[in-house]
Protein backbone atom coordinates (compact mmCIF):
# COMPACT_ATOMS: atom_id res chain seq x y z
CA MET A 1 149.57 111.90 86.01
CA SER A 2 147.75 112.34 82.75
CA THR A 3 145.01 109.96 81.68
CA MET A 4 143.52 109.60 78.21
CA ARG A 5 140.81 107.05 77.49
CA GLY A 6 142.08 104.62 80.12
CA PHE A 7 145.77 104.99 79.24
CA HIS A 8 148.23 106.63 81.60
CA SER A 9 151.28 108.60 80.62
CA THR A 10 154.45 106.61 79.82
CA GLU A 11 156.13 107.70 83.07
CA LYS A 12 153.20 106.47 85.17
CA ALA A 13 152.91 103.22 83.20
CA MET A 14 156.57 102.38 83.75
CA THR A 15 156.38 102.86 87.52
CA ASP A 16 152.94 101.30 88.07
CA ASP A 17 153.14 98.37 85.64
CA ARG A 18 155.01 96.11 88.07
CA GLU A 19 152.79 93.40 89.47
CA THR A 20 153.12 92.98 93.24
CA ALA A 21 151.78 90.37 95.65
CA HIS A 22 150.96 91.66 99.15
CA ARG A 23 150.21 89.78 102.33
CA TRP A 24 146.51 89.80 103.02
CA GLU A 25 145.58 89.22 106.64
CA PRO A 26 141.77 89.02 106.43
CA VAL A 27 141.39 87.89 110.05
CA GLY A 28 143.33 89.16 113.04
CA ASP A 29 144.41 85.83 114.45
CA LEU A 30 145.75 84.15 111.32
CA PRO A 31 148.48 81.67 112.35
CA LEU A 32 152.05 82.10 111.11
CA ALA A 33 151.76 78.84 109.19
CA ALA A 34 151.29 77.55 105.68
CA CYS A 35 147.81 76.51 104.63
CA GLN A 36 147.65 72.73 104.26
CA VAL A 37 144.93 72.70 101.57
CA TRP A 38 142.22 74.93 100.07
CA ARG A 39 138.78 73.42 99.35
CA LEU A 40 136.43 75.07 96.86
CA LYS A 41 132.63 75.18 96.75
CA SER A 42 130.69 77.10 94.13
CA ASP A 43 127.22 77.71 92.77
CA ASN A 44 125.77 79.26 89.66
CA ASN A 45 125.42 82.78 91.12
CA PHE A 46 129.08 83.77 90.59
CA GLU A 47 129.85 83.10 94.23
CA LEU A 48 132.61 80.91 95.61
CA THR A 49 133.51 79.61 99.06
CA VAL A 50 137.09 78.62 99.76
CA GLU A 51 138.01 76.88 103.01
CA GLY A 52 141.59 76.52 104.23
CA ASP A 53 143.11 74.35 106.94
CA PHE A 54 146.28 75.61 108.59
CA GLY A 55 146.98 72.49 110.63
CA THR A 56 147.58 74.56 113.76
CA SER A 57 144.08 74.80 115.17
CA GLU A 58 140.67 73.23 115.14
CA ARG A 59 139.33 76.10 113.06
CA THR A 60 139.05 76.45 109.31
CA LEU A 61 139.37 79.78 107.50
CA LYS A 62 136.40 80.37 105.22
CA ILE A 63 136.47 83.06 102.53
CA ASP A 64 133.24 83.82 100.67
CA PHE A 65 133.88 85.47 97.31
CA GLN A 66 131.07 87.44 95.69
CA GLY A 67 130.98 88.65 92.10
CA VAL A 68 133.51 86.10 90.87
CA VAL A 69 134.75 86.96 87.40
CA ALA A 70 137.50 84.33 87.03
CA LEU A 71 138.82 81.31 88.91
CA ALA A 72 141.96 79.22 88.45
CA ALA A 73 143.04 76.25 90.56
CA HIS A 74 146.30 74.36 90.11
CA ASP A 75 148.13 71.42 91.62
CA ASP A 76 150.82 73.25 93.58
CA MET A 77 153.47 70.75 92.53
CA LEU A 78 153.26 72.20 89.01
CA GLY A 79 154.05 75.71 90.22
CA LEU A 80 151.49 77.28 87.90
CA THR A 81 150.06 80.68 88.77
CA LYS A 82 148.50 83.58 86.92
CA ILE A 83 151.13 85.98 88.28
CA ARG A 84 154.32 86.82 86.42
CA ALA A 85 157.44 84.80 87.13
CA ASP A 86 159.26 87.89 88.44
CA THR A 87 156.54 88.71 90.99
CA SER A 88 157.93 87.94 94.44
CA ILE A 89 155.77 86.21 97.05
CA PRO A 90 156.18 87.40 100.66
CA LEU A 91 157.28 84.77 103.15
CA ILE A 92 155.70 83.90 106.50
CA GLY A 93 158.87 85.34 108.04
CA SER A 94 158.91 83.87 111.57
CA GLY A 95 158.26 80.66 113.44
CA ARG A 96 158.79 77.09 112.28
CA GLN A 97 157.66 77.86 108.74
CA ALA A 98 159.43 81.22 108.33
CA SER A 99 160.71 80.35 104.84
CA TYR A 100 157.28 79.24 103.54
CA ARG A 101 155.26 81.53 101.26
CA TRP A 102 152.54 83.66 102.86
CA PRO A 103 149.27 81.76 102.10
CA ILE A 104 146.81 84.60 101.43
CA LEU A 105 147.68 87.40 99.03
CA ARG A 106 146.22 90.26 97.04
CA VAL A 107 147.87 91.00 93.72
CA GLU A 108 148.18 94.65 92.69
CA ASN A 109 148.60 95.62 89.04
CA SER A 110 147.58 92.08 88.14
CA HIS A 111 148.27 91.24 84.52
CA TRP A 112 145.68 88.46 84.70
CA LEU A 113 143.05 90.90 85.98
CA ARG A 114 143.88 93.43 83.24
CA SER A 115 143.63 90.73 80.55
CA THR A 116 140.26 89.45 81.79
CA LEU A 117 137.34 90.40 79.57
CA GLY A 118 134.34 92.21 80.95
CA PRO A 119 133.88 94.89 83.61
CA THR A 120 136.58 94.38 86.24
CA ASP A 121 137.16 97.92 87.56
CA ASP A 122 135.93 97.01 91.05
CA CYS A 123 137.63 93.58 91.18
CA THR A 124 140.65 92.25 93.05
CA HIS A 125 143.02 89.39 92.18
CA PHE A 126 143.32 87.07 95.21
CA LEU A 127 146.07 84.45 95.35
CA LEU A 128 145.66 81.58 97.85
CA LEU A 129 148.63 79.27 98.34
CA SER A 130 148.73 75.95 100.17
CA LEU A 131 151.05 72.99 100.42
CA GLU A 132 148.80 71.10 97.98
CA CYS A 133 147.30 73.64 95.60
CA THR A 134 147.12 77.21 94.37
CA VAL A 135 143.76 78.97 94.00
CA GLU A 136 143.40 82.31 92.24
CA VAL A 137 140.20 84.34 92.16
CA ILE A 138 139.20 87.59 90.52
CA ALA A 139 136.21 88.84 92.48
CA ARG A 140 134.43 91.99 93.57
CA GLU A 141 134.27 91.08 97.28
CA ALA A 142 135.78 88.67 99.78
CA THR A 143 134.36 88.02 103.24
CA PRO A 144 136.53 85.98 105.63
CA SER A 145 135.53 84.18 108.83
CA TRP A 146 136.62 81.30 111.05
CA ILE A 147 134.36 78.24 111.16
């Protein structure tokens, strides 16, 4: 692969340009279930806390994002996301909700991330799906835990 001032050769660009959404399993005991809703809390220090209820346990998944560069939240009924229309979303794959979309994803080769102004070399595009809303975050770090 040849690189020149941030641009890759045409061959590399054609194979790597495809945006892909991958299952992210930030905790080992994540249920095979859709998230019911994501709740957002933020402050002025470019940090964000997102809490998700999966309706299958008494616990709530909490993800603390540090170094937030961009945030988008949408009513899920509108189907709006920052990913391309041809980007496929992995499914849960088994259980009662096998045909539902996997709720926690990392987007590789994100077009939204690449179009975001500012230093984003060490950032990741996170895509959080629920039955009620979609939350997308570009951040430097994400720390998950059950509460």
